[in-house]
């Protein structure tokens, strides 16, 4: 099964992707992770990625699709989760063409619906465990008093400089301009599955499971 997790920044796509990896044996394809991995891989594609990034330029859709093709050619018994891609209608068309070329299909697009105001409150003060990626929040889910992740025990937490109200509003505007048209695109294709992204993590996971089964 191949799926897309679609939703604005902070909707919890990464968290739900990790649960699907753990519970269903799926493979998460995160654009950022693939680019970082490619840059240090020493492959021809990796060298192209490094050259573009070293020039301070954005990696082209062609390169990202090339990286995805390499991943799809590998083994993934549980299927693939596209996290953070596609972001535009052009990328959606390119991904569809790639899947057709490889004889694969896109089975579902999970749209994680959220409330903007609640999302800002959720993201402001967010911290991510450097060990396992578990997400904490200064108000809603503070880092444990002993300073260690309750999931893996690591004590290295990372914060994004743009996890603040002003930056998040700008990122949301970018999402609505470029990415939200994908909702109508996949609805027309019959693959869109909306879920309530504002519930507790396990509740959202249950909704996603129900949408996939």
Protein backbone atom coordinates (compact mmCIF):
# COMPACT_ATOMS: atom_id res chain seq x y z
CA UNK A 1 0.00 0.00 0.00
CA UNK A 2 1.31 3.44 -0.98
CA UNK A 3 -0.12 6.53 0.74
CA UNK A 4 0.39 10.28 1.06
CA UNK A 5 0.08 12.14 4.36
CA UNK A 6 -1.31 15.57 3.50
CA UNK A 7 -1.72 18.48 5.89
CA UNK A 8 -0.27 21.83 6.94
CA UNK A 9 2.99 22.17 8.89
CA UNK A 10 2.56 20.91 12.43
CA UNK A 11 -0.44 18.70 11.64
CA UNK A 12 1.42 15.65 12.97
CA UNK A 13 2.31 13.94 9.70
CA UNK A 14 5.74 12.84 10.92
CA UNK A 15 4.34 11.39 14.14
CA UNK A 16 1.68 9.40 12.31
CA UNK A 17 4.18 8.24 9.71
CA UNK A 18 6.37 6.76 12.45
CA UNK A 19 3.39 4.87 13.88
CA UNK A 20 2.58 3.43 10.46
CA UNK A 21 6.21 2.36 10.06
CA UNK A 22 6.14 0.62 13.44
CA UNK A 23 2.71 -0.98 13.12
CA UNK A 24 2.48 -1.81 9.42
CA UNK A 25 6.09 -2.12 8.33
CA UNK A 26 5.73 0.71 5.85
CA UNK A 27 8.67 2.80 4.61
CA UNK A 28 8.55 6.56 5.22
CA UNK A 29 9.81 8.69 2.36
CA UNK A 30 10.54 12.14 3.76
CA UNK A 31 11.93 14.57 1.21
CA UNK A 32 14.27 16.18 3.72
CA UNK A 33 15.64 12.83 4.92
CA UNK A 34 16.16 11.62 1.35
CA UNK A 35 18.07 14.76 0.40
CA UNK A 36 20.33 14.53 3.46
CA UNK A 37 20.97 10.85 2.82
CA UNK A 38 21.66 11.40 -0.88
CA UNK A 39 24.07 14.24 -0.20
CA UNK A 40 26.43 11.91 1.69
CA UNK A 41 25.80 8.76 -0.37
CA UNK A 42 28.53 9.28 -2.96
CA UNK A 43 26.18 8.22 -5.78
CA UNK A 44 25.77 10.16 -9.02
CA UNK A 45 22.37 11.41 -7.87
CA UNK A 46 23.85 12.30 -4.49
CA UNK A 47 26.55 14.38 -6.14
CA UNK A 48 23.89 16.30 -8.08
CA UNK A 49 22.02 16.98 -4.84
CA UNK A 50 25.20 18.15 -3.07
CA UNK A 51 26.13 20.50 -5.92
CA UNK A 52 22.70 22.12 -5.97
CA UNK A 53 22.52 22.50 -2.19
CA UNK A 54 26.08 23.82 -1.97
CA UNK A 55 25.11 26.56 -4.42
CA UNK A 56 22.24 27.47 -2.11
CA UNK A 57 19.66 26.57 -4.73
CA UNK A 58 16.43 24.58 -4.38
CA UNK A 59 16.58 20.96 -5.49
CA UNK A 60 14.50 20.49 -8.63
CA UNK A 61 11.39 18.30 -8.84
CA UNK A 62 13.27 16.14 -11.35
CA UNK A 63 15.95 15.31 -8.77
CA UNK A 64 13.41 14.59 -6.02
CA UNK A 65 11.46 12.28 -8.34
CA UNK A 66 14.76 10.56 -9.20
CA UNK A 67 15.45 9.96 -5.50
CA UNK A 68 11.93 8.62 -4.99
CA UNK A 69 12.34 6.28 -7.97
CA UNK A 70 15.49 4.84 -6.38
CA UNK A 71 13.59 4.21 -3.14
CA UNK A 72 10.54 2.69 -4.86
CA UNK A 73 12.79 0.26 -6.71
CA UNK A 74 13.87 -1.22 -3.36
CA UNK A 75 12.01 -3.61 -1.10
CA UNK A 76 9.15 -2.30 1.04
CA UNK A 77 6.79 -5.05 2.10
CA UNK A 78 4.34 -2.71 3.78
CA UNK A 79 4.41 -0.04 1.08
CA UNK A 80 5.52 3.59 1.12
CA UNK A 81 4.42 6.74 2.97
CA UNK A 82 5.05 10.00 1.11
CA UNK A 83 5.62 12.64 3.79
CA UNK A 84 6.15 16.20 2.57
CA UNK A 85 5.81 15.28 -1.09
CA UNK A 86 4.06 16.16 -3.32
CA UNK A 87 3.63 19.83 -2.40
CA UNK A 88 2.34 21.13 -5.74
CA UNK A 89 0.04 19.94 -8.53
CA UNK A 90 3.04 19.55 -10.85
CA UNK A 91 4.74 17.28 -8.30
CA UNK A 92 1.52 15.28 -7.92
CA UNK A 93 1.40 14.71 -11.68
CA UNK A 94 5.08 13.68 -11.69
CA UNK A 95 4.56 11.24 -8.83
CA UNK A 96 1.53 9.72 -10.54
CA UNK A 97 3.52 9.25 -13.75
CA UNK A 98 6.38 7.62 -11.82
CA UNK A 99 4.05 5.17 -10.06
CA UNK A 100 2.45 4.28 -13.40
CA UNK A 101 5.90 3.71 -14.92
CA UNK A 102 6.83 1.35 -12.08
CA UNK A 103 3.50 -0.48 -12.19
CA UNK A 104 2.54 0.78 -8.74
CA UNK A 105 -0.47 2.73 -7.47
CA UNK A 106 -1.36 5.38 -4.93
CA UNK A 107 -3.90 3.75 -2.62
CA UNK A 108 -4.92 6.61 -0.33
CA UNK A 109 -4.23 10.25 0.49
CA UNK A 110 -4.78 10.96 4.19
CA UNK A 111 -5.81 14.60 4.65
CA UNK A 112 -5.11 15.62 8.26
CA UNK A 113 -7.59 18.42 8.92
CA UNK A 114 -6.64 20.93 11.60
CA UNK A 115 -7.77 24.23 13.10
CA UNK A 116 -5.26 26.99 12.38
CA UNK A 117 -5.52 28.69 15.79
CA UNK A 118 -5.14 25.40 17.65
CA UNK A 119 -2.26 24.48 15.37
CA UNK A 120 -0.36 27.65 16.29
CA UNK A 121 -0.78 26.80 19.99
CA UNK A 122 0.42 23.26 19.33
CA UNK A 123 3.54 24.29 17.42
CA UNK A 124 4.72 27.25 19.51
CA UNK A 125 7.15 25.81 22.02
CA UNK A 126 7.57 22.51 20.20
CA UNK A 127 10.64 20.36 20.87
CA UNK A 128 11.61 17.15 19.08
CA UNK A 129 13.67 14.32 20.56
CA UNK A 130 16.94 14.01 18.68
CA UNK A 131 16.98 10.28 19.36
CA UNK A 132 13.61 9.03 18.13
CA UNK A 133 11.74 12.07 16.81
CA UNK A 134 9.11 12.09 19.57
CA UNK A 135 7.41 15.50 19.76
CA UNK A 136 6.95 17.52 22.96
CA UNK A 137 5.39 20.90 23.68
CA UNK A 138 6.17 23.34 26.51
CA UNK A 139 2.47 23.75 27.32
CA UNK A 140 0.59 20.72 26.00
CA UNK A 141 3.17 17.97 26.53
CA UNK A 142 6.27 19.17 28.38
CA UNK A 143 9.61 17.38 28.26
CA UNK A 144 9.76 15.02 31.30
CA UNK A 145 11.14 16.57 34.48
CA UNK A 146 14.28 14.41 34.29
CA UNK A 147 15.07 15.90 30.87
CA UNK A 148 14.87 12.54 29.12
CA UNK A 149 12.56 11.40 26.35
CA UNK A 150 9.85 9.14 27.70
CA UNK A 151 10.04 7.04 24.55
CA UNK A 152 13.77 6.36 24.08
CA UNK A 153 15.52 7.97 27.08
CA UNK A 154 17.59 10.41 25.00
CA UNK A 155 18.26 13.87 26.43
CA UNK A 156 18.98 15.69 23.14
CA UNK A 157 16.01 17.85 22.13
CA UNK A 158 15.85 20.05 19.04
CA UNK A 159 13.79 23.18 18.40
CA UNK A 160 13.12 24.78 15.04
CA UNK A 161 13.86 28.49 14.91
CA UNK A 162 10.63 29.02 12.94
CA UNK A 163 8.36 27.27 15.47
CA UNK A 164 6.76 30.53 16.52
CA UNK A 165 3.45 32.22 15.76
CA UNK A 166 4.68 34.65 13.10
CA UNK A 167 6.72 32.09 11.14
CA UNK A 168 4.00 29.46 11.37
CA UNK A 169 1.40 31.83 9.91
CA UNK A 170 3.73 32.43 6.95
CA UNK A 171 4.25 28.66 6.50
CA UNK A 172 0.48 28.11 6.65
CA UNK A 173 -0.07 30.74 3.96
CA UNK A 174 2.51 29.00 1.77
CA UNK A 175 0.72 25.69 2.34
CA UNK A 176 -2.69 27.10 1.40
CA UNK A 177 -1.32 28.74 -1.76
CA UNK A 178 0.70 25.81 -3.10
CA UNK A 179 -0.32 22.57 -1.42
CA UNK A 180 -4.00 22.77 -0.48
CA UNK A 181 -5.06 22.49 -4.16
CA UNK A 182 -3.96 18.85 -3.86
CA UNK A 183 -7.04 18.23 -1.70
CA UNK A 184 -9.35 18.80 -4.66
CA UNK A 185 -6.94 17.00 -7.00
CA UNK A 186 -6.98 13.77 -5.01
CA UNK A 187 -10.67 14.08 -4.15
CA UNK A 188 -11.38 14.03 -7.88
CA UNK A 189 -9.25 10.89 -8.20
CA UNK A 190 -11.23 9.20 -5.41
CA UNK A 191 -8.23 8.61 -3.14
CA UNK A 192 -8.74 11.36 -0.52
CA UNK A 193 -9.45 10.19 3.05
CA UNK A 194 -10.05 13.09 5.52
CA UNK A 195 -9.28 12.56 9.23
CA UNK A 196 -9.48 14.86 12.26
CA UNK A 197 -5.88 15.85 12.87
CA UNK A 198 -6.62 17.75 16.11
CA UNK A 199 -7.35 14.72 18.29
CA UNK A 200 -4.95 12.89 20.58
CA UNK A 201 -2.16 11.03 18.78
CA UNK A 202 -3.71 7.58 19.29
CA UNK A 203 -7.16 8.82 18.25
CA UNK A 204 -5.76 10.22 15.01
CA UNK A 205 -3.87 6.96 14.42
CA UNK A 206 -7.11 5.00 14.84
CA UNK A 207 -8.88 7.22 12.29
CA UNK A 208 -6.03 6.72 9.84
CA UNK A 209 -6.12 2.96 10.37
CA UNK A 210 -9.87 2.93 9.72
CA UNK A 211 -9.37 4.95 6.53
CA UNK A 212 -6.75 2.51 5.26
CA UNK A 213 -8.50 -0.76 6.13
